[in-house]
Amino acid sequence: MEDIKEKIPIIVIGILAIAILGVAFYLMENYEATYYTKIDNTKIQAISSTDEMKYQYTLDCYDDKGKKKELSFKTSRELKENSYLQLEVRIIGVHRWKEVQEEELPEKVKENYMK
């Protein structure tokens, strides 16, 4: 009987650890936010001459409510100056991006770029 009482805290800690890891994994896979940015090629940095992703941009980005956040993302090439991007962001950073037209930007994002 004493052996079981001694093992209960270890079992409880193990179950809690598994639960916490499960929740963390779920959040990492299901957290997603969308940000928008405007390309400024003065903010590009060459990071590799051998990898597929040769450049990194660090730019001010805005969500659909106009909230600002500085984000970094990698590219294989220099992007077109003053073009707009929509960034899909997950917990670990920018997951993917695509070019969008100015008309596709949310109003709060446009306001930040029209200042």
PDB file of N, CA and C in Angstrom:
ATOM      1  N   MET A   1       0.821  -1.190   0.000  1.00  0.00           N
ATOM      2  CA  MET A   1       0.000   0.000   0.000  1.00  0.00           C
ATOM      3  C   MET A   1       0.865   1.254   0.000  1.00  0.00           C
ATOM      4  N   GLU A   2       1.978   1.228   0.743  1.00  0.00           N
ATOM      5  CA  GLU A   2       2.855   2.401   0.790  1.00  0.00           C
ATOM      6  C   GLU A   2       3.509   2.661  -0.557  1.00  0.00           C
ATOM      7  N   ASP A   3       3.807   1.618  -1.332  1.00  0.00           N
ATOM      8  CA  ASP A   3       4.403   1.784  -2.655  1.00  0.00           C
ATOM      9  C   ASP A   3       3.494   2.595  -3.568  1.00  0.00           C
ATOM     10  N   ILE A   4       2.209   2.334  -3.487  1.00  0.00           N
ATOM     11  CA  ILE A   4       1.244   3.054  -4.317  1.00  0.00           C
ATOM     12  C   ILE A   4       1.189   4.516  -3.894  1.00  0.00           C
ATOM     13  N   LYS A   5       1.162   4.791  -2.595  1.00  0.00           N
ATOM     14  CA  LYS A   5       1.120   6.162  -2.085  1.00  0.00           C
ATOM     15  C   LYS A   5       2.360   6.942  -2.511  1.00  0.00           C
ATOM     16  N   GLU A   6       3.493   6.295  -2.590  1.00  0.00           N
ATOM     17  CA  GLU A   6       4.727   6.961  -3.006  1.00  0.00           C
ATOM     18  C   GLU A   6       4.724   7.261  -4.507  1.00  0.00           C
ATOM     19  N   LYS A   7       4.042   6.438  -5.282  1.00  0.00           N
ATOM     20  CA  LYS A   7       4.036   6.594  -6.740  1.00  0.00           C
ATOM     21  C   LYS A   7       2.961   7.577  -7.224  1.00  0.00           C
ATOM     22  N   ILE A   8       1.967   7.860  -6.408  1.00  0.00           N
ATOM     23  CA  ILE A   8       0.874   8.755  -6.824  1.00  0.00           C
ATOM     24  C   ILE A   8       1.395  10.135  -7.246  1.00  0.00           C
ATOM     25  N   PRO A   9       2.273  10.801  -6.472  1.00  0.00           N
ATOM     26  CA  PRO A   9       2.751  12.118  -6.932  1.00  0.00           C
ATOM     27  C   PRO A   9       3.473  12.051  -8.284  1.00  0.00           C
ATOM     28  N   ILE A  10       4.219  10.996  -8.521  1.00  0.00           N
ATOM     29  CA  ILE A  10       4.922  10.844  -9.791  1.00  0.00           C
ATOM     30  C   ILE A  10       3.923  10.664 -10.927  1.00  0.00           C
ATOM     31  N   ILE A  11       2.897   9.874 -10.699  1.00  0.00           N
ATOM     32  CA  ILE A  11       1.864   9.647 -11.718  1.00  0.00           C
ATOM     33  C   ILE A  11       1.119  10.947 -12.016  1.00  0.00           C
ATOM     34  N   VAL A  12       0.758  11.689 -10.976  1.00  0.00           N
ATOM     35  CA  VAL A  12       0.055  12.966 -11.154  1.00  0.00           C
ATOM     36  C   VAL A  12       0.916  13.952 -11.931  1.00  0.00           C
ATOM     37  N   ILE A  13       2.190  14.055 -11.602  1.00  0.00           N
ATOM     38  CA  ILE A  13       3.103  14.959 -12.317  1.00  0.00           C
ATOM     39  C   ILE A  13       3.216  14.535 -13.783  1.00  0.00           C
ATOM     40  N   GLY A  14       3.292  13.247 -14.034  1.00  0.00           N
ATOM     41  CA  GLY A  14       3.365  12.754 -15.412  1.00  0.00           C
ATOM     42  C   GLY A  14       2.121  13.102 -16.207  1.00  0.00           C
ATOM     43  N   ILE A  15       0.964  12.919 -15.607  1.00  0.00           N
ATOM     44  CA  ILE A  15      -0.305  13.243 -16.286  1.00  0.00           C
ATOM     45  C   ILE A  15      -0.389  14.748 -16.557  1.00  0.00           C
ATOM     46  N   LEU A  16      -0.005  15.562 -15.581  1.00  0.00           N
ATOM     47  CA  LEU A  16      -0.015  17.021 -15.779  1.00  0.00           C
ATOM     48  C   LEU A  16       0.955  17.438 -16.886  1.00  0.00           C
ATOM     49  N   ALA A  17       2.120  16.840 -16.916  1.00  0.00           N
ATOM     50  CA  ALA A  17       3.104  17.176 -17.952  1.00  0.00           C
ATOM     51  C   ALA A  17       2.570  16.832 -19.335  1.00  0.00           C
ATOM     52  N   ILE A  18       1.949  15.679 -19.474  1.00  0.00           N
ATOM     53  CA  ILE A  18       1.364  15.278 -20.761  1.00  0.00           C
ATOM     54  C   ILE A  18       0.249  16.244 -21.157  1.00  0.00           C
ATOM     55  N   ALA A  19      -0.590  16.626 -20.208  1.00  0.00           N
ATOM     56  CA  ALA A  19      -1.684  17.559 -20.488  1.00  0.00           C
ATOM     57  C   ALA A  19      -1.142  18.916 -20.930  1.00  0.00           C
ATOM     58  N   ILE A  20      -0.124  19.419 -20.244  1.00  0.00           N
ATOM     59  CA  ILE A  20       0.461  20.720 -20.592  1.00  0.00           C
ATOM     60  C   ILE A  20       1.088  20.661 -21.979  1.00  0.00           C
ATOM     61  N   LEU A  21       1.808  19.603 -22.274  1.00  0.00           N
ATOM     62  CA  LEU A  21       2.402  19.455 -23.609  1.00  0.00           C
ATOM     63  C   LEU A  21       1.325  19.370 -24.688  1.00  0.00           C
ATOM     64  N   GLY A  22       0.251  18.674 -24.402  1.00  0.00           N
ATOM     65  CA  GLY A  22      -0.851  18.572 -25.359  1.00  0.00           C
ATOM     66  C   GLY A  22      -1.477  19.927 -25.653  1.00  0.00           C
ATOM     67  N   VAL A  23      -1.718  20.698 -24.623  1.00  0.00           N
ATOM     68  CA  VAL A  23      -2.292  22.041 -24.799  1.00  0.00           C
ATOM     69  C   VAL A  23      -1.330  22.935 -25.564  1.00  0.00           C
ATOM     70  N   ALA A  24      -0.046  22.886 -25.222  1.00  0.00           N
ATOM     71  CA  ALA A  24       0.951  23.707 -25.924  1.00  0.00           C
ATOM     72  C   ALA A  24       1.007  23.338 -27.399  1.00  0.00           C
ATOM     73  N   PHE A  25       1.006  22.061 -27.715  1.00  0.00           N
ATOM     74  CA  PHE A  25       1.029  21.615 -29.107  1.00  0.00           C
ATOM     75  C   PHE A  25      -0.220  22.087 -29.839  1.00  0.00           C
ATOM     76  N   TYR A  26      -1.384  21.955 -29.214  1.00  0.00           N
ATOM     77  CA  TYR A  26      -2.635  22.408 -29.823  1.00  0.00           C
ATOM     78  C   TYR A  26      -2.576  23.900 -30.130  1.00  0.00           C
ATOM     79  N   LEU A  27      -2.109  24.696 -29.181  1.00  0.00           N
ATOM     80  CA  LEU A  27      -2.032  26.140 -29.384  1.00  0.00           C
ATOM     81  C   LEU A  27      -1.059  26.489 -30.504  1.00  0.00           C
ATOM     82  N   MET A  28       0.071  25.811 -30.565  1.00  0.00           N
ATOM     83  CA  MET A  28       1.049  26.091 -31.617  1.00  0.00           C
ATOM     84  C   MET A  28       0.478  25.799 -32.994  1.00  0.00           C
ATOM     85  N   GLU A  29      -0.289  24.740 -33.116  1.00  0.00           N
ATOM     86  CA  GLU A  29      -0.839  24.351 -34.408  1.00  0.00           C
ATOM     87  C   GLU A  29      -2.069  25.181 -34.789  1.00  0.00           C
ATOM     88  N   ASN A  30      -2.785  25.706 -33.812  1.00  0.00           N
ATOM     89  CA  ASN A  30      -4.051  26.359 -34.109  1.00  0.00           C
ATOM     90  C   ASN A  30      -4.048  27.864 -33.918  1.00  0.00           C
ATOM     91  N   TYR A  31      -2.970  28.421 -33.383  1.00  0.00           N
ATOM     92  CA  TYR A  31      -2.886  29.862 -33.274  1.00  0.00           C
ATOM     93  C   TYR A  31      -2.521  30.403 -34.641  1.00  0.00           C
ATOM     94  N   GLU A  32      -3.265  31.353 -35.099  1.00  0.00           N
ATOM     95  CA  GLU A  32      -2.955  31.957 -36.383  1.00  0.00           C
ATOM     96  C   GLU A  32      -3.455  33.391 -36.374  1.00  0.00           C
ATOM     97  N   ALA A  33      -2.622  34.291 -36.836  1.00  0.00           N
ATOM     98  CA  ALA A  33      -3.002  35.694 -36.951  1.00  0.00           C
ATOM     99  C   ALA A  33      -2.564  36.178 -38.320  1.00  0.00           C
ATOM    100  N   THR A  34      -3.224  37.201 -38.808  1.00  0.00           N
ATOM    101  CA  THR A  34      -2.882  37.774 -40.102  1.00  0.00           C
ATOM    102  C   THR A  34      -2.382  39.187 -39.898  1.00  0.00           C
ATOM    103  N   TYR A  35      -1.249  39.490 -40.482  1.00  0.00           N
ATOM    104  CA  TYR A  35      -0.661  40.823 -40.465  1.00  0.00           C
ATOM    105  C   TYR A  35      -0.383  41.251 -41.894  1.00  0.00           C
ATOM    106  N   TYR A  36      -0.217  42.543 -42.060  1.00  0.00           N
ATOM    107  CA  TYR A  36       0.073  43.119 -43.368  1.00  0.00           C
ATOM    108  C   TYR A  36       1.286  44.020 -43.250  1.00  0.00           C
ATOM    109  N   THR A  37       2.065  44.077 -44.317  1.00  0.00           N
ATOM    110  CA  THR A  37       3.239  44.935 -44.314  1.00  0.00           C
ATOM    111  C   THR A  37       3.494  45.473 -45.705  1.00  0.00           C
ATOM    112  N   LYS A  38       4.342  46.487 -45.751  1.00  0.00           N
ATOM    113  CA  LYS A  38       4.759  47.098 -47.013  1.00  0.00           C
ATOM    114  C   LYS A  38       6.270  46.904 -47.131  1.00  0.00           C
ATOM    115  N   ILE A  39       6.696  46.421 -48.273  1.00  0.00           N
ATOM    116  CA  ILE A  39       8.112  46.099 -48.464  1.00  0.00           C
ATOM    117  C   ILE A  39       8.954  47.371 -48.517  1.00  0.00           C
ATOM    118  N   ASP A  40      10.000  47.350 -47.705  1.00  0.00           N
ATOM    119  CA  ASP A  40      10.998  48.414 -47.658  1.00  0.00           C
ATOM    120  C   ASP A  40      12.350  47.708 -47.795  1.00  0.00           C
ATOM    121  N   ASN A  41      12.945  47.819 -48.961  1.00  0.00           N
ATOM    122  CA  ASN A  41      14.178  47.076 -49.222  1.00  0.00           C
ATOM    123  C   ASN A  41      15.400  47.625 -48.496  1.00  0.00           C
ATOM    124  N   THR A  42      15.235  48.687 -47.729  1.00  0.00           N
ATOM    125  CA  THR A  42      16.338  49.103 -46.854  1.00  0.00           C
ATOM    126  C   THR A  42      16.359  48.231 -45.597  1.00  0.00           C
ATOM    127  N   LYS A  43      15.311  47.430 -45.412  1.00  0.00           N
ATOM    128  CA  LYS A  43      15.175  46.576 -44.218  1.00  0.00           C
ATOM    129  C   LYS A  43      15.489  45.107 -44.516  1.00  0.00           C
ATOM    130  N   ILE A  44      16.171  44.850 -45.619  1.00  0.00           N
ATOM    131  CA  ILE A  44      16.508  43.474 -45.982  1.00  0.00           C
ATOM    132  C   ILE A  44      17.922  43.159 -45.516  1.00  0.00           C
ATOM    133  N   GLN A  45      18.132  41.920 -45.142  1.00  0.00           N
ATOM    134  CA  GLN A  45      19.445  41.479 -44.698  1.00  0.00           C
ATOM    135  C   GLN A  45      19.769  40.154 -45.400  1.00  0.00           C
ATOM    136  N   ALA A  46      20.943  40.079 -46.024  1.00  0.00           N
ATOM    137  CA  ALA A  46      21.395  38.817 -46.606  1.00  0.00           C
ATOM    138  C   ALA A  46      21.802  37.896 -45.466  1.00  0.00           C
ATOM    139  N   ILE A  47      21.244  36.678 -45.458  1.00  0.00           N
ATOM    140  CA  ILE A  47      21.551  35.767 -44.355  1.00  0.00           C
ATOM    141  C   ILE A  47      22.263  34.501 -44.811  1.00  0.00           C
ATOM    142  N   SER A  48      22.235  34.205 -46.118  1.00  0.00           N
ATOM    143  CA  SER A  48      22.887  32.984 -46.588  1.00  0.00           C
ATOM    144  C   SER A  48      23.133  33.071 -48.085  1.00  0.00           C
ATOM    145  N   SER A  49      24.211  32.493 -48.519  1.00  0.00           N
ATOM    146  CA  SER A  49      24.456  32.413 -49.953  1.00  0.00           C
ATOM    147  C   SER A  49      24.253  30.986 -50.455  1.00  0.00           C
ATOM    148  N   THR A  50      24.027  30.058 -49.525  1.00  0.00           N
ATOM    149  CA  THR A  50      23.880  28.660 -49.913  1.00  0.00           C
ATOM    150  C   THR A  50      22.486  28.100 -49.673  1.00  0.00           C
ATOM    151  N   ASP A  51      21.770  28.584 -48.662  1.00  0.00           N
ATOM    152  CA  ASP A  51      20.423  28.086 -48.378  1.00  0.00           C
ATOM    153  C   ASP A  51      19.421  28.645 -49.372  1.00  0.00           C
ATOM    154  N   GLU A  52      18.260  27.995 -49.447  1.00  0.00           N
ATOM    155  CA  GLU A  52      17.188  28.466 -50.323  1.00  0.00           C
ATOM    156  C   GLU A  52      16.685  29.844 -49.884  1.00  0.00           C
ATOM    157  N   MET A  53      16.549  30.047 -48.587  1.00  0.00           N
ATOM    158  CA  MET A  53      16.104  31.331 -48.049  1.00  0.00           C
ATOM    159  C   MET A  53      17.328  32.203 -47.813  1.00  0.00           C
ATOM    160  N   LYS A  54      17.578  33.106 -48.732  1.00  0.00           N
ATOM    161  CA  LYS A  54      18.813  33.893 -48.716  1.00  0.00           C
ATOM    162  C   LYS A  54      18.694  35.228 -47.988  1.00  0.00           C
ATOM    163  N   TYR A  55      17.465  35.711 -47.813  1.00  0.00           N
ATOM    164  CA  TYR A  55      17.263  37.046 -47.254  1.00  0.00           C
ATOM    165  C   TYR A  55      16.270  37.006 -46.096  1.00  0.00           C
ATOM    166  N   GLN A  56      16.394  38.025 -45.249  1.00  0.00           N
ATOM    167  CA  GLN A  56      15.436  38.187 -44.159  1.00  0.00           C
ATOM    168  C   GLN A  56      15.014  39.646 -44.095  1.00  0.00           C
ATOM    169  N   TYR A  57      13.713  39.853 -44.026  1.00  0.00           N
ATOM    170  CA  TYR A  57      13.143  41.183 -43.825  1.00  0.00           C
ATOM    171  C   TYR A  57      12.695  41.294 -42.368  1.00  0.00           C
ATOM    172  N   THR A  58      12.880  42.462 -41.780  1.00  0.00           N
ATOM    173  CA  THR A  58      12.313  42.784 -40.477  1.00  0.00           C
ATOM    174  C   THR A  58      11.559  44.093 -40.669  1.00  0.00           C
ATOM    175  N   LEU A  59      10.236  44.007 -40.607  1.00  0.00           N
ATOM    176  CA  LEU A  59       9.380  45.139 -40.962  1.00  0.00           C
ATOM    177  C   LEU A  59       8.293  45.366 -39.924  1.00  0.00           C
ATOM    178  N   ASP A  60       7.808  46.603 -39.878  1.00  0.00           N
ATOM    179  CA  ASP A  60       6.622  46.915 -39.086  1.00  0.00           C
ATOM    180  C   ASP A  60       5.424  46.336 -39.822  1.00  0.00           C
ATOM    181  N   CYS A  61       4.583  45.643 -39.087  1.00  0.00           N
ATOM    182  CA  CYS A  61       3.404  45.006 -39.655  1.00  0.00           C
ATOM    183  C   CYS A  61       2.189  45.404 -38.828  1.00  0.00           C
ATOM    184  N   TYR A  62       1.015  45.281 -39.427  1.00  0.00           N
ATOM    185  CA  TYR A  62      -0.217  45.682 -38.757  1.00  0.00           C
ATOM    186  C   TYR A  62      -1.274  44.602 -38.925  1.00  0.00           C
ATOM    187  N   ASP A  63      -2.037  44.366 -37.844  1.00  0.00           N
ATOM    188  CA  ASP A  63      -3.166  43.445 -37.966  1.00  0.00           C
ATOM    189  C   ASP A  63      -4.374  44.221 -38.477  1.00  0.00           C
ATOM    190  N   ASP A  64      -5.501  43.552 -38.637  1.00  0.00           N
ATOM    191  CA  ASP A  64      -6.677  44.200 -39.219  1.00  0.00           C
ATOM    192  C   ASP A  64      -7.281  45.284 -38.339  1.00  0.00           C
ATOM    193  N   LYS A  65      -6.824  45.373 -37.075  1.00  0.00           N
ATOM    194  CA  LYS A  65      -7.276  46.441 -36.176  1.00  0.00           C
ATOM    195  C   LYS A  65      -6.284  47.591 -36.129  1.00  0.00           C
ATOM    196  N   GLY A  66      -5.187  47.453 -36.877  1.00  0.00           N
ATOM    197  CA  GLY A  66      -4.178  48.507 -36.925  1.00  0.00           C
ATOM    198  C   GLY A  66      -3.101  48.388 -35.864  1.00  0.00           C
ATOM    199  N   LYS A  67      -3.100  47.296 -35.116  1.00  0.00           N
ATOM    200  CA  LYS A  67      -2.094  47.096 -34.073  1.00  0.00           C
ATOM    201  C   LYS A  67      -0.759  46.747 -34.726  1.00  0.00           C
ATOM    202  N   LYS A  68       0.279  47.466 -34.315  1.00  0.00           N
ATOM    203  CA  LYS A  68       1.607  47.327 -34.901  1.00  0.00           C
ATOM    204  C   LYS A  68       2.413  46.244 -34.201  1.00  0.00           C
ATOM    205  N   LYS A  69       3.197  45.508 -35.000  1.00  0.00           N
ATOM    206  CA  LYS A  69       4.093  44.489 -34.472  1.00  0.00           C
ATOM    207  C   LYS A  69       5.247  44.343 -35.457  1.00  0.00           C
ATOM    208  N   GLU A  70       6.463  44.296 -34.940  1.00  0.00           N
ATOM    209  CA  GLU A  70       7.623  44.083 -35.797  1.00  0.00           C
ATOM    210  C   GLU A  70       7.795  42.581 -36.009  1.00  0.00           C
ATOM    211  N   LEU A  71       7.837  42.172 -37.275  1.00  0.00           N
ATOM    212  CA  LEU A  71       7.987  40.760 -37.609  1.00  0.00           C
ATOM    213  C   LEU A  71       9.148  40.564 -38.572  1.00  0.00           C
ATOM    214  N   SER A  72       9.753  39.400 -38.500  1.00  0.00           N
ATOM    215  CA  SER A  72      10.821  39.024 -39.420  1.00  0.00           C
ATOM    216  C   SER A  72      10.373  37.803 -40.205  1.00  0.00           C
ATOM    217  N   PHE A  73      10.761  37.751 -41.472  1.00  0.00           N
ATOM    218  CA  PHE A  73      10.463  36.595 -42.302  1.00  0.00           C
ATOM    219  C   PHE A  73      11.541  36.455 -43.363  1.00  0.00           C
ATOM    220  N   LYS A  74      11.695  35.244 -43.860  1.00  0.00           N
ATOM    221  CA  LYS A  74      12.740  34.942 -44.833  1.00  0.00           C
ATOM    222  C   LYS A  74      12.166  34.804 -46.233  1.00  0.00           C
ATOM    223  N   THR A  75      13.017  35.108 -47.217  1.00  0.00           N
ATOM    224  CA  THR A  75      12.629  34.972 -48.619  1.00  0.00           C
ATOM    225  C   THR A  75      13.807  34.421 -49.414  1.00  0.00           C
ATOM    226  N   SER A  76      13.495  33.939 -50.593  1.00  0.00           N
ATOM    227  CA  SER A  76      14.545  33.429 -51.471  1.00  0.00           C
ATOM    228  C   SER A  76      15.076  34.524 -52.392  1.00  0.00           C
ATOM    229  N   ARG A  77      14.384  35.668 -52.411  1.00  0.00           N
ATOM    230  CA  ARG A  77      14.770  36.759 -53.323  1.00  0.00           C
ATOM    231  C   ARG A  77      14.390  38.100 -52.713  1.00  0.00           C
ATOM    232  N   GLU A  78      14.937  39.150 -53.279  1.00  0.00           N
ATOM    233  CA  GLU A  78      14.537  40.497 -52.873  1.00  0.00           C
ATOM    234  C   GLU A  78      13.157  40.755 -53.450  1.00  0.00           C
ATOM    235  N   LEU A  79      12.280  41.313 -52.629  1.00  0.00           N
ATOM    236  CA  LEU A  79      10.903  41.549 -53.053  1.00  0.00           C
ATOM    237  C   LEU A  79      10.737  42.942 -53.648  1.00  0.00           C
ATOM    238  N   LYS A  80       9.646  43.121 -54.362  1.00  0.00           N
ATOM    239  CA  LYS A  80       9.365  44.385 -55.051  1.00  0.00           C
ATOM    240  C   LYS A  80       9.124  45.511 -54.042  1.00  0.00           C
ATOM    241  N   GLU A  81       9.908  46.566 -54.162  1.00  0.00           N
ATOM    242  CA  GLU A  81       9.794  47.737 -53.282  1.00  0.00           C
ATOM    243  C   GLU A  81       8.358  48.264 -53.276  1.00  0.00           C
ATOM    244  N   ASN A  82       7.862  48.600 -52.088  1.00  0.00           N
ATOM    245  CA  ASN A  82       6.529  49.179 -51.854  1.00  0.00           C
ATOM    246  C   ASN A  82       5.366  48.233 -52.145  1.00  0.00           C
ATOM    247  N   SER A  83       5.644  46.961 -52.374  1.00  0.00           N
ATOM    248  CA  SER A  83       4.536  46.018 -52.541  1.00  0.00           C
ATOM    249  C   SER A  83       4.002  45.665 -51.153  1.00  0.00           C
ATOM    250  N   TYR A  84       2.777  45.188 -51.109  1.00  0.00           N
ATOM    251  CA  TYR A  84       2.139  44.826 -49.841  1.00  0.00           C
ATOM    252  C   TYR A  84       2.097  43.310 -49.705  1.00  0.00           C
ATOM    253  N   LEU A  85       2.286  42.848 -48.477  1.00  0.00           N
ATOM    254  CA  LEU A  85       2.220  41.428 -48.193  1.00  0.00           C
ATOM    255  C   LEU A  85       1.205  41.151 -47.093  1.00  0.00           C
ATOM    256  N   GLN A  86       0.569  40.020 -47.210  1.00  0.00           N
ATOM    257  CA  GLN A  86      -0.263  39.484 -46.145  1.00  0.00           C
ATOM    258  C   GLN A  86       0.552  38.352 -45.516  1.00  0.00           C
ATOM    259  N   LEU A  87       0.753  38.429 -44.213  1.00  0.00           N
ATOM    260  CA  LEU A  87       1.570  37.450 -43.506  1.00  0.00           C
ATOM    261  C   LEU A  87       0.697  36.567 -42.630  1.00  0.00           C
ATOM    262  N   GLU A  88       0.857  35.266 -42.756  1.00  0.00           N
ATOM    263  CA  GLU A  88       0.181  34.322 -41.868  1.00  0.00           C
ATOM    264  C   GLU A  88       1.164  34.024 -40.744  1.00  0.00           C
ATOM    265  N   VAL A  89       0.782  34.383 -39.531  1.00  0.00           N
ATOM    266  CA  VAL A  89       1.682  34.275 -38.390  1.00  0.00           C
ATOM    267  C   VAL A  89       1.158  33.229 -37.417  1.00  0.00           C
ATOM    268  N   ARG A  90       2.063  32.370 -36.991  1.00  0.00           N
ATOM    269  CA  ARG A  90       1.763  31.385 -35.955  1.00  0.00           C
ATOM    270  C   ARG A  90       2.658  31.670 -34.772  1.00  0.00           C
ATOM    271  N   ILE A  91       2.557  30.891 -33.727  1.00  0.00           N
ATOM    272  CA  ILE A  91       3.335  31.124 -32.515  1.00  0.00           C
ATOM    273  C   ILE A  91       4.826  31.190 -32.818  1.00  0.00           C
ATOM    274  N   ILE A  92       5.293  30.358 -33.721  1.00  0.00           N
ATOM    275  CA  ILE A  92       6.729  30.310 -34.008  1.00  0.00           C
ATOM    276  C   ILE A  92       7.175  31.374 -35.003  1.00  0.00           C
ATOM    277  N   GLY A  93       6.269  32.207 -35.473  1.00  0.00           N
ATOM    278  CA  GLY A  93       6.636  33.290 -36.388  1.00  0.00           C
ATOM    279  C   GLY A  93       5.840  33.238 -37.682  1.00  0.00           C
ATOM    280  N   VAL A  94       6.364  33.913 -38.704  1.00  0.00           N
ATOM    281  CA  VAL A  94       5.678  33.985 -39.995  1.00  0.00           C
ATOM    282  C   VAL A  94       5.722  32.597 -40.634  1.00  0.00           C
ATOM    283  N   HIS A  95       4.556  32.073 -40.907  1.00  0.00           N
ATOM    284  CA  HIS A  95       4.437  30.734 -41.486  1.00  0.00           C
ATOM    285  C   HIS A  95       4.463  30.811 -43.013  1.00  0.00           C
ATOM    286  N   ARG A  96       3.760  31.798 -43.557  1.00  0.00           N
ATOM    287  CA  ARG A  96       3.781  32.019 -45.014  1.00  0.00           C
ATOM    288  C   ARG A  96       3.329  33.433 -45.304  1.00  0.00           C
ATOM    289  N   TRP A  97       3.622  33.883 -46.506  1.00  0.00           N
ATOM    290  CA  TRP A  97       3.223  35.224 -46.917  1.00  0.00           C
ATOM    291  C   TRP A  97       2.822  35.194 -48.384  1.00  0.00           C
ATOM    292  N   LYS A  98       2.031  36.207 -48.764  1.00  0.00           N
ATOM    293  CA  LYS A  98       1.675  36.361 -50.173  1.00  0.00           C
ATOM    294  C   LYS A  98       1.496  37.841 -50.465  1.00  0.00           C
ATOM    295  N   GLU A  99       1.756  38.219 -51.695  1.00  0.00           N
ATOM    296  CA  GLU A  99       1.585  39.609 -52.109  1.00  0.00           C
ATOM    297  C   GLU A  99       0.099  39.895 -52.286  1.00  0.00           C
ATOM    298  N   VAL A 100      -0.328  41.077 -51.845  1.00  0.00           N
ATOM    299  CA  VAL A 100      -1.712  41.523 -52.017  1.00  0.00           C
ATOM    300  C   VAL A 100      -1.711  42.939 -52.577  1.00  0.00           C
ATOM    301  N   GLN A 101      -2.819  43.337 -53.116  1.00  0.00           N
ATOM    302  CA  GLN A 101      -2.975  44.685 -53.665  1.00  0.00           C
ATOM    303  C   GLN A 101      -3.413  45.644 -52.552  1.00  0.00           C
ATOM    304  N   GLU A 102      -3.133  46.908 -52.724  1.00  0.00           N
ATOM    305  CA  GLU A 102      -3.490  47.908 -51.725  1.00  0.00           C
ATOM    306  C   GLU A 102      -4.985  47.867 -51.400  1.00  0.00           C
ATOM    307  N   GLU A 103      -5.814  47.621 -52.408  1.00  0.00           N
ATOM    308  CA  GLU A 103      -7.268  47.572 -52.212  1.00  0.00           C
ATOM    309  C   GLU A 103      -7.688  46.430 -51.279  1.00  0.00           C
ATOM    310  N   GLU A 104      -6.850  45.418 -51.135  1.00  0.00           N
ATOM    311  CA  GLU A 104      -7.168  44.266 -50.297  1.00  0.00           C
ATOM    312  C   GLU A 104      -6.827  44.490 -48.821  1.00  0.00           C
ATOM    313  N   LEU A 105      -6.133  45.579 -48.522  1.00  0.00           N
ATOM    314  CA  LEU A 105      -5.739  45.843 -47.146  1.00  0.00           C
ATOM    315  C   LEU A 105      -6.941  46.279 -46.315  1.00  0.00           C
ATOM    316  N   PRO A 106      -7.025  45.837 -45.064  1.00  0.00           N
ATOM    317  CA  PRO A 106      -8.071  46.342 -44.166  1.00  0.00           C
ATOM    318  C   PRO A 106      -7.895  47.852 -43.967  1.00  0.00           C
ATOM    319  N   GLU A 107      -8.982  48.539 -43.675  1.00  0.00           N
ATOM    320  CA  GLU A 107      -8.942  50.003 -43.540  1.00  0.00           C
ATOM    321  C   GLU A 107      -7.939  50.471 -42.491  1.00  0.00           C
ATOM    322  N   LYS A 108      -7.895  49.808 -41.354  1.00  0.00           N
ATOM    323  CA  LYS A 108      -6.966  50.217 -40.287  1.00  0.00           C
ATOM    324  C   LYS A 108      -5.509  50.059 -40.723  1.00  0.00           C
ATOM    325  N   VAL A 109      -5.230  49.095 -41.565  1.00  0.00           N
ATOM    326  CA  VAL A 109      -3.876  48.912 -42.093  1.00  0.00           C
ATOM    327  C   VAL A 109      -3.557  50.037 -43.073  1.00  0.00           C
ATOM    328  N   LYS A 110      -4.504  50.333 -43.961  1.00  0.00           N
ATOM    329  CA  LYS A 110      -4.317  51.425 -44.939  1.00  0.00           C
ATOM    330  C   LYS A 110      -4.012  52.738 -44.226  1.00  0.00           C
ATOM    331  N   GLU A 111      -4.732  52.999 -43.132  1.00  0.00           N
ATOM    332  CA  GLU A 111      -4.527  54.247 -42.395  1.00  0.00           C
ATOM    333  C   GLU A 111      -3.077  54.395 -41.937  1.00  0.00           C
ATOM    334  N   ASN A 112      -2.453  53.303 -41.524  1.00  0.00           N
ATOM    335  CA  ASN A 112      -1.060  53.354 -41.073  1.00  0.00           C
ATOM    336  C   ASN A 112      -0.093  53.635 -42.215  1.00  0.00           C
ATOM    337  N   TYR A 113      -0.423  53.216 -43.416  1.00  0.00           N
ATOM    338  CA  TYR A 113       0.483  53.438 -44.547  1.00  0.00           C
ATOM    339  C   TYR A 113       0.196  54.739 -45.289  1.00  0.00           C
ATOM    340  N   MET A 114      -0.916  55.379 -44.985  1.00  0.00           N
ATOM    341  CA  MET A 114      -1.250  56.634 -45.649  1.00  0.00           C
ATOM    342  C   MET A 114      -0.831  57.845 -44.833  1.00  0.00           C
ATOM    343  N   LYS A 115      -0.224  57.619 -43.680  1.00  0.00           N
ATOM    344  CA  LYS A 115       0.224  58.721 -42.813  1.00  0.00           C
ATOM    345  C   LYS A 115       1.350  59.493 -43.454  1.00  0.00           C
TER     346      LYS A 115
END
